[in-house]
């Protein structure tokens, strides 16, 4: 850590977890778990919030570090899915509820 003090065991585990590529996949995992009929908005909203939170935490931990491609693609994909969901017709919205899981698999 940048504070100049030794890192505790818990901080070391947290640091390793936040550096793991699995963290970048968390929004995709949330989408696949939450999506279903009537839950499109919830799934996309939670996934987008997770993606943004991951980018923010990454910037707070390492202000000068470069962005990770997975982090940026997470935010872009889920923001696009949210915008599409907002402006979608009812039939498109039903299609998104049924097939957004497959779209996220393709996007991933």
N, C-alpha and C. Protein backbone atom coordinates (compact mmCIF):
# COMPACT_ATOMS: atom_id res chain seq x y z
N UNK A 1 0.84 -1.18 0.00
CA UNK A 1 0.00 0.00 0.00
C UNK A 1 0.89 1.25 0.00
N UNK A 2 0.35 2.34 -0.39
CA UNK A 2 1.12 3.56 -0.57
C UNK A 2 1.29 4.36 0.72
N UNK A 3 0.74 3.92 1.84
CA UNK A 3 0.80 4.71 3.07
C UNK A 3 2.15 4.63 3.76
N UNK A 4 3.06 3.76 3.34
CA UNK A 4 4.37 3.65 3.95
C UNK A 4 4.39 2.70 5.13
N UNK A 5 3.29 2.16 5.52
CA UNK A 5 3.25 1.19 6.62
C UNK A 5 3.18 -0.21 6.05
N UNK A 6 3.57 -1.21 6.82
CA UNK A 6 3.49 -2.59 6.31
C UNK A 6 2.03 -3.00 6.05
N UNK A 7 1.86 -3.80 5.02
CA UNK A 7 0.52 -4.27 4.65
C UNK A 7 0.12 -5.42 5.58
N UNK A 8 -1.10 -5.37 6.13
CA UNK A 8 -1.58 -6.46 6.97
C UNK A 8 -1.96 -7.63 6.08
N UNK A 9 -2.19 -8.78 6.70
CA UNK A 9 -2.58 -9.98 5.94
C UNK A 9 -3.90 -9.77 5.23
N UNK A 10 -4.85 -9.13 5.90
CA UNK A 10 -6.16 -8.88 5.28
C UNK A 10 -6.02 -7.92 4.10
N UNK A 11 -5.20 -6.89 4.25
CA UNK A 11 -4.98 -5.96 3.14
C UNK A 11 -4.29 -6.65 1.98
N UNK A 12 -3.38 -7.57 2.28
CA UNK A 12 -2.70 -8.31 1.22
C UNK A 12 -3.66 -9.20 0.45
N UNK A 13 -4.56 -9.87 1.16
CA UNK A 13 -5.56 -10.70 0.49
C UNK A 13 -6.50 -9.84 -0.34
N UNK A 14 -6.92 -8.71 0.20
CA UNK A 14 -7.79 -7.81 -0.54
C UNK A 14 -7.08 -7.28 -1.78
N UNK A 15 -5.84 -6.93 -1.64
CA UNK A 15 -5.07 -6.43 -2.78
C UNK A 15 -4.94 -7.49 -3.87
N UNK A 16 -4.66 -8.72 -3.48
CA UNK A 16 -4.56 -9.82 -4.46
C UNK A 16 -5.91 -10.06 -5.13
N UNK A 17 -6.99 -10.00 -4.36
CA UNK A 17 -8.32 -10.19 -4.92
C UNK A 17 -8.65 -9.09 -5.93
N UNK A 18 -8.37 -7.84 -5.58
CA UNK A 18 -8.67 -6.73 -6.48
C UNK A 18 -7.81 -6.75 -7.73
N UNK A 19 -6.63 -7.36 -7.67
CA UNK A 19 -5.76 -7.47 -8.83
C UNK A 19 -6.10 -8.68 -9.70
N UNK A 20 -6.96 -9.53 -9.22
CA UNK A 20 -7.32 -10.76 -9.94
C UNK A 20 -8.19 -10.44 -11.16
N UNK A 21 -7.98 -11.16 -12.27
CA UNK A 21 -8.86 -10.97 -13.43
C UNK A 21 -10.30 -11.37 -13.16
N UNK A 22 -10.52 -12.19 -12.15
CA UNK A 22 -11.88 -12.61 -11.81
C UNK A 22 -12.74 -11.40 -11.42
N UNK A 23 -12.13 -10.40 -10.81
CA UNK A 23 -12.87 -9.20 -10.43
C UNK A 23 -13.45 -8.52 -11.66
N UNK A 24 -12.71 -8.50 -12.76
CA UNK A 24 -13.20 -7.92 -14.00
C UNK A 24 -14.37 -8.67 -14.59
N UNK A 25 -14.53 -9.94 -14.22
CA UNK A 25 -15.64 -10.74 -14.73
C UNK A 25 -16.86 -10.67 -13.82
N UNK A 26 -16.74 -10.04 -12.68
CA UNK A 26 -17.84 -9.97 -11.72
C UNK A 26 -19.13 -9.40 -12.32
N UNK A 27 -19.09 -8.30 -13.11
CA UNK A 27 -20.33 -7.81 -13.69
C UNK A 27 -21.00 -8.82 -14.62
N UNK A 28 -20.19 -9.58 -15.35
CA UNK A 28 -20.73 -10.58 -16.28
C UNK A 28 -21.37 -11.73 -15.50
N UNK A 29 -20.75 -12.10 -14.40
CA UNK A 29 -21.31 -13.16 -13.55
C UNK A 29 -22.63 -12.69 -12.95
N UNK A 30 -22.65 -11.45 -12.48
CA UNK A 30 -23.89 -10.90 -11.91
C UNK A 30 -25.00 -10.87 -12.96
N UNK A 31 -24.66 -10.48 -14.17
CA UNK A 31 -25.66 -10.45 -15.25
C UNK A 31 -26.23 -11.84 -15.48
N UNK A 32 -25.38 -12.84 -15.56
CA UNK A 32 -25.87 -14.19 -15.85
C UNK A 32 -26.71 -14.76 -14.71
N UNK A 33 -26.41 -14.36 -13.48
CA UNK A 33 -27.17 -14.86 -12.33
C UNK A 33 -28.51 -14.14 -12.21
N UNK A 34 -28.53 -12.84 -12.48
CA UNK A 34 -29.73 -12.05 -12.23
C UNK A 34 -30.72 -11.97 -13.39
N UNK A 35 -30.26 -12.12 -14.62
CA UNK A 35 -31.12 -11.88 -15.77
C UNK A 35 -32.22 -12.94 -15.89
N UNK A 36 -33.36 -12.51 -16.34
CA UNK A 36 -34.49 -13.40 -16.54
C UNK A 36 -35.72 -12.56 -16.84
N UNK A 37 -36.83 -13.21 -17.11
CA UNK A 37 -38.06 -12.47 -17.40
C UNK A 37 -38.41 -11.50 -16.27
N UNK A 38 -38.57 -10.24 -16.63
CA UNK A 38 -38.94 -9.22 -15.64
C UNK A 38 -37.79 -8.69 -14.83
N UNK A 39 -36.56 -9.15 -15.08
CA UNK A 39 -35.42 -8.71 -14.28
C UNK A 39 -34.31 -8.08 -15.11
N UNK A 40 -34.59 -7.69 -16.33
CA UNK A 40 -33.56 -7.12 -17.21
C UNK A 40 -32.96 -5.86 -16.59
N UNK A 41 -33.80 -4.95 -16.13
CA UNK A 41 -33.31 -3.69 -15.57
C UNK A 41 -32.45 -3.94 -14.34
N UNK A 42 -32.88 -4.84 -13.47
CA UNK A 42 -32.11 -5.16 -12.28
C UNK A 42 -30.75 -5.73 -12.67
N UNK A 43 -30.73 -6.70 -13.58
CA UNK A 43 -29.48 -7.35 -13.97
C UNK A 43 -28.51 -6.35 -14.60
N UNK A 44 -29.00 -5.53 -15.51
CA UNK A 44 -28.12 -4.57 -16.18
C UNK A 44 -27.68 -3.48 -15.19
N UNK A 45 -28.59 -3.02 -14.34
CA UNK A 45 -28.24 -1.99 -13.37
C UNK A 45 -27.18 -2.44 -12.39
N UNK A 46 -27.33 -3.63 -11.85
CA UNK A 46 -26.34 -4.16 -10.91
C UNK A 46 -25.01 -4.39 -11.62
N UNK A 47 -25.06 -4.93 -12.82
CA UNK A 47 -23.83 -5.19 -13.57
C UNK A 47 -23.10 -3.90 -13.91
N UNK A 48 -23.84 -2.88 -14.33
CA UNK A 48 -23.23 -1.59 -14.63
C UNK A 48 -22.64 -0.96 -13.37
N UNK A 49 -23.37 -1.03 -12.27
CA UNK A 49 -22.87 -0.47 -11.01
C UNK A 49 -21.57 -1.18 -10.58
N UNK A 50 -21.54 -2.50 -10.70
CA UNK A 50 -20.32 -3.24 -10.37
C UNK A 50 -19.16 -2.84 -11.28
N UNK A 51 -19.44 -2.71 -12.57
CA UNK A 51 -18.38 -2.34 -13.52
C UNK A 51 -17.81 -0.96 -13.20
N UNK A 52 -18.68 0.00 -12.90
CA UNK A 52 -18.22 1.35 -12.56
C UNK A 52 -17.46 1.33 -11.24
N UNK A 53 -17.95 0.58 -10.27
CA UNK A 53 -17.27 0.49 -8.97
C UNK A 53 -15.87 -0.11 -9.12
N UNK A 54 -15.72 -1.10 -9.97
CA UNK A 54 -14.41 -1.71 -10.19
C UNK A 54 -13.43 -0.70 -10.79
N UNK A 55 -13.90 0.09 -11.74
CA UNK A 55 -13.04 1.11 -12.35
C UNK A 55 -12.66 2.16 -11.29
N UNK A 56 -13.62 2.61 -10.50
CA UNK A 56 -13.35 3.63 -9.48
C UNK A 56 -12.36 3.10 -8.44
N UNK A 57 -12.57 1.90 -7.96
CA UNK A 57 -11.66 1.32 -6.96
C UNK A 57 -10.26 1.17 -7.56
N UNK A 58 -10.19 0.77 -8.81
CA UNK A 58 -8.89 0.66 -9.47
C UNK A 58 -8.17 1.99 -9.55
N UNK A 59 -8.91 3.06 -9.83
CA UNK A 59 -8.29 4.39 -9.90
C UNK A 59 -7.87 4.87 -8.53
N UNK A 60 -8.67 4.58 -7.50
CA UNK A 60 -8.32 5.00 -6.14
C UNK A 60 -7.09 4.25 -5.62
N UNK A 61 -6.99 2.99 -5.97
CA UNK A 61 -5.85 2.18 -5.52
C UNK A 61 -4.57 2.54 -6.25
N UNK A 62 -4.65 2.81 -7.55
CA UNK A 62 -3.48 3.10 -8.37
C UNK A 62 -3.79 4.25 -9.31
N UNK A 63 -3.71 5.48 -8.82
CA UNK A 63 -4.13 6.63 -9.63
C UNK A 63 -3.40 6.78 -10.96
N UNK A 64 -2.15 6.39 -11.05
CA UNK A 64 -1.40 6.58 -12.29
C UNK A 64 -1.40 5.38 -13.21
N UNK A 65 -2.02 4.29 -12.78
CA UNK A 65 -2.00 3.06 -13.58
C UNK A 65 -2.92 3.19 -14.79
N UNK A 66 -2.60 2.42 -15.81
CA UNK A 66 -3.45 2.44 -17.01
C UNK A 66 -4.72 1.63 -16.76
N UNK A 67 -5.74 1.94 -17.55
CA UNK A 67 -7.00 1.22 -17.44
C UNK A 67 -6.83 -0.18 -18.01
N UNK A 68 -7.56 -1.13 -17.45
CA UNK A 68 -7.57 -2.49 -17.97
C UNK A 68 -8.66 -2.59 -19.03
N UNK A 69 -8.36 -3.30 -20.10
CA UNK A 69 -9.32 -3.43 -21.20
C UNK A 69 -10.63 -4.05 -20.72
N UNK A 70 -10.54 -5.07 -19.88
CA UNK A 70 -11.75 -5.73 -19.39
C UNK A 70 -12.62 -4.76 -18.59
N UNK A 71 -12.00 -3.92 -17.77
CA UNK A 71 -12.77 -2.95 -16.99
C UNK A 71 -13.53 -1.98 -17.89
N UNK A 72 -12.85 -1.48 -18.90
CA UNK A 72 -13.48 -0.51 -19.80
C UNK A 72 -14.57 -1.18 -20.64
N UNK A 73 -14.29 -2.38 -21.12
CA UNK A 73 -15.32 -3.07 -21.92
C UNK A 73 -16.54 -3.40 -21.08
N UNK A 74 -16.35 -3.69 -19.79
CA UNK A 74 -17.48 -3.91 -18.89
C UNK A 74 -18.39 -2.69 -18.85
N UNK A 75 -17.79 -1.54 -18.59
CA UNK A 75 -18.58 -0.31 -18.47
C UNK A 75 -19.28 0.01 -19.79
N UNK A 76 -18.55 -0.08 -20.90
CA UNK A 76 -19.14 0.24 -22.21
C UNK A 76 -20.29 -0.70 -22.53
N UNK A 77 -20.08 -2.00 -22.36
CA UNK A 77 -21.12 -2.98 -22.70
C UNK A 77 -22.37 -2.77 -21.87
N UNK A 78 -22.22 -2.68 -20.56
CA UNK A 78 -23.40 -2.58 -19.70
C UNK A 78 -24.07 -1.21 -19.79
N UNK A 79 -23.31 -0.16 -20.07
CA UNK A 79 -23.93 1.14 -20.32
C UNK A 79 -24.75 1.09 -21.61
N UNK A 80 -24.21 0.45 -22.64
CA UNK A 80 -24.95 0.31 -23.90
C UNK A 80 -26.21 -0.52 -23.68
N UNK A 81 -26.11 -1.60 -22.91
CA UNK A 81 -27.29 -2.42 -22.62
C UNK A 81 -28.34 -1.62 -21.85
N UNK A 82 -27.91 -0.76 -20.94
CA UNK A 82 -28.85 0.06 -20.18
C UNK A 82 -29.55 1.06 -21.09
N UNK A 83 -28.79 1.72 -21.96
CA UNK A 83 -29.39 2.69 -22.88
C UNK A 83 -30.35 2.01 -23.84
N UNK A 84 -29.96 0.87 -24.37
CA UNK A 84 -30.85 0.12 -25.26
C UNK A 84 -32.13 -0.26 -24.53
N UNK A 85 -31.99 -0.72 -23.29
CA UNK A 85 -33.16 -1.10 -22.50
C UNK A 85 -34.09 0.06 -22.22
N UNK A 86 -33.53 1.25 -22.03
CA UNK A 86 -34.35 2.44 -21.76
C UNK A 86 -35.20 2.81 -22.96
N UNK A 87 -34.61 2.73 -24.16
CA UNK A 87 -35.30 3.19 -25.36
C UNK A 87 -35.94 2.07 -26.17
N UNK A 88 -35.89 0.85 -25.69
CA UNK A 88 -36.41 -0.29 -26.44
C UNK A 88 -37.94 -0.30 -26.45
N UNK A 89 -38.47 -0.79 -27.55
CA UNK A 89 -39.92 -0.99 -27.64
C UNK A 89 -40.29 -2.17 -26.74
N UNK A 90 -41.55 -2.35 -26.42
CA UNK A 90 -41.94 -3.47 -25.57
C UNK A 90 -41.52 -4.84 -26.13
N UNK A 91 -41.62 -5.02 -27.44
CA UNK A 91 -41.22 -6.32 -27.99
C UNK A 91 -39.71 -6.51 -27.92
N UNK A 92 -38.95 -5.44 -28.14
CA UNK A 92 -37.49 -5.53 -28.02
C UNK A 92 -37.11 -5.77 -26.57
N UNK A 93 -37.83 -5.16 -25.67
CA UNK A 93 -37.56 -5.35 -24.25
C UNK A 93 -37.79 -6.80 -23.85
N UNK A 94 -38.85 -7.41 -24.34
CA UNK A 94 -39.09 -8.83 -24.06
C UNK A 94 -37.97 -9.69 -24.63
N UNK A 95 -37.52 -9.33 -25.85
CA UNK A 95 -36.42 -10.07 -26.46
C UNK A 95 -35.15 -9.93 -25.62
N UNK A 96 -34.88 -8.73 -25.13
CA UNK A 96 -33.71 -8.51 -24.28
C UNK A 96 -33.79 -9.32 -22.99
N UNK A 97 -34.99 -9.39 -22.40
CA UNK A 97 -35.16 -10.19 -21.18
C UNK A 97 -34.84 -11.65 -21.45
N UNK A 98 -35.18 -12.13 -22.63
CA UNK A 98 -34.96 -13.54 -22.97
C UNK A 98 -33.53 -13.83 -23.41
N UNK A 99 -32.92 -12.89 -24.13
CA UNK A 99 -31.63 -13.20 -24.77
C UNK A 99 -30.46 -12.32 -24.34
N UNK A 100 -30.63 -11.48 -23.33
CA UNK A 100 -29.51 -10.65 -22.91
C UNK A 100 -28.38 -11.47 -22.29
N UNK A 101 -28.71 -12.61 -21.72
CA UNK A 101 -27.67 -13.50 -21.21
C UNK A 101 -26.77 -13.98 -22.33
N UNK A 102 -27.38 -14.33 -23.47
CA UNK A 102 -26.61 -14.76 -24.63
C UNK A 102 -25.80 -13.60 -25.21
N UNK A 103 -26.40 -12.40 -25.22
CA UNK A 103 -25.66 -11.23 -25.69
C UNK A 103 -24.43 -10.96 -24.83
N UNK A 104 -24.60 -11.14 -23.52
CA UNK A 104 -23.45 -10.90 -22.64
C UNK A 104 -22.38 -11.98 -22.84
N UNK A 105 -22.79 -13.20 -23.16
CA UNK A 105 -21.80 -14.24 -23.47
C UNK A 105 -21.02 -13.90 -24.72
N UNK A 106 -21.70 -13.34 -25.71
CA UNK A 106 -21.01 -12.91 -26.94
C UNK A 106 -20.09 -11.73 -26.65
N UNK A 107 -20.58 -10.79 -25.86
CA UNK A 107 -19.79 -9.60 -25.52
C UNK A 107 -18.59 -9.90 -24.67
N UNK A 108 -18.67 -10.93 -23.89
CA UNK A 108 -17.60 -11.29 -22.98
C UNK A 108 -16.49 -11.87 -23.77
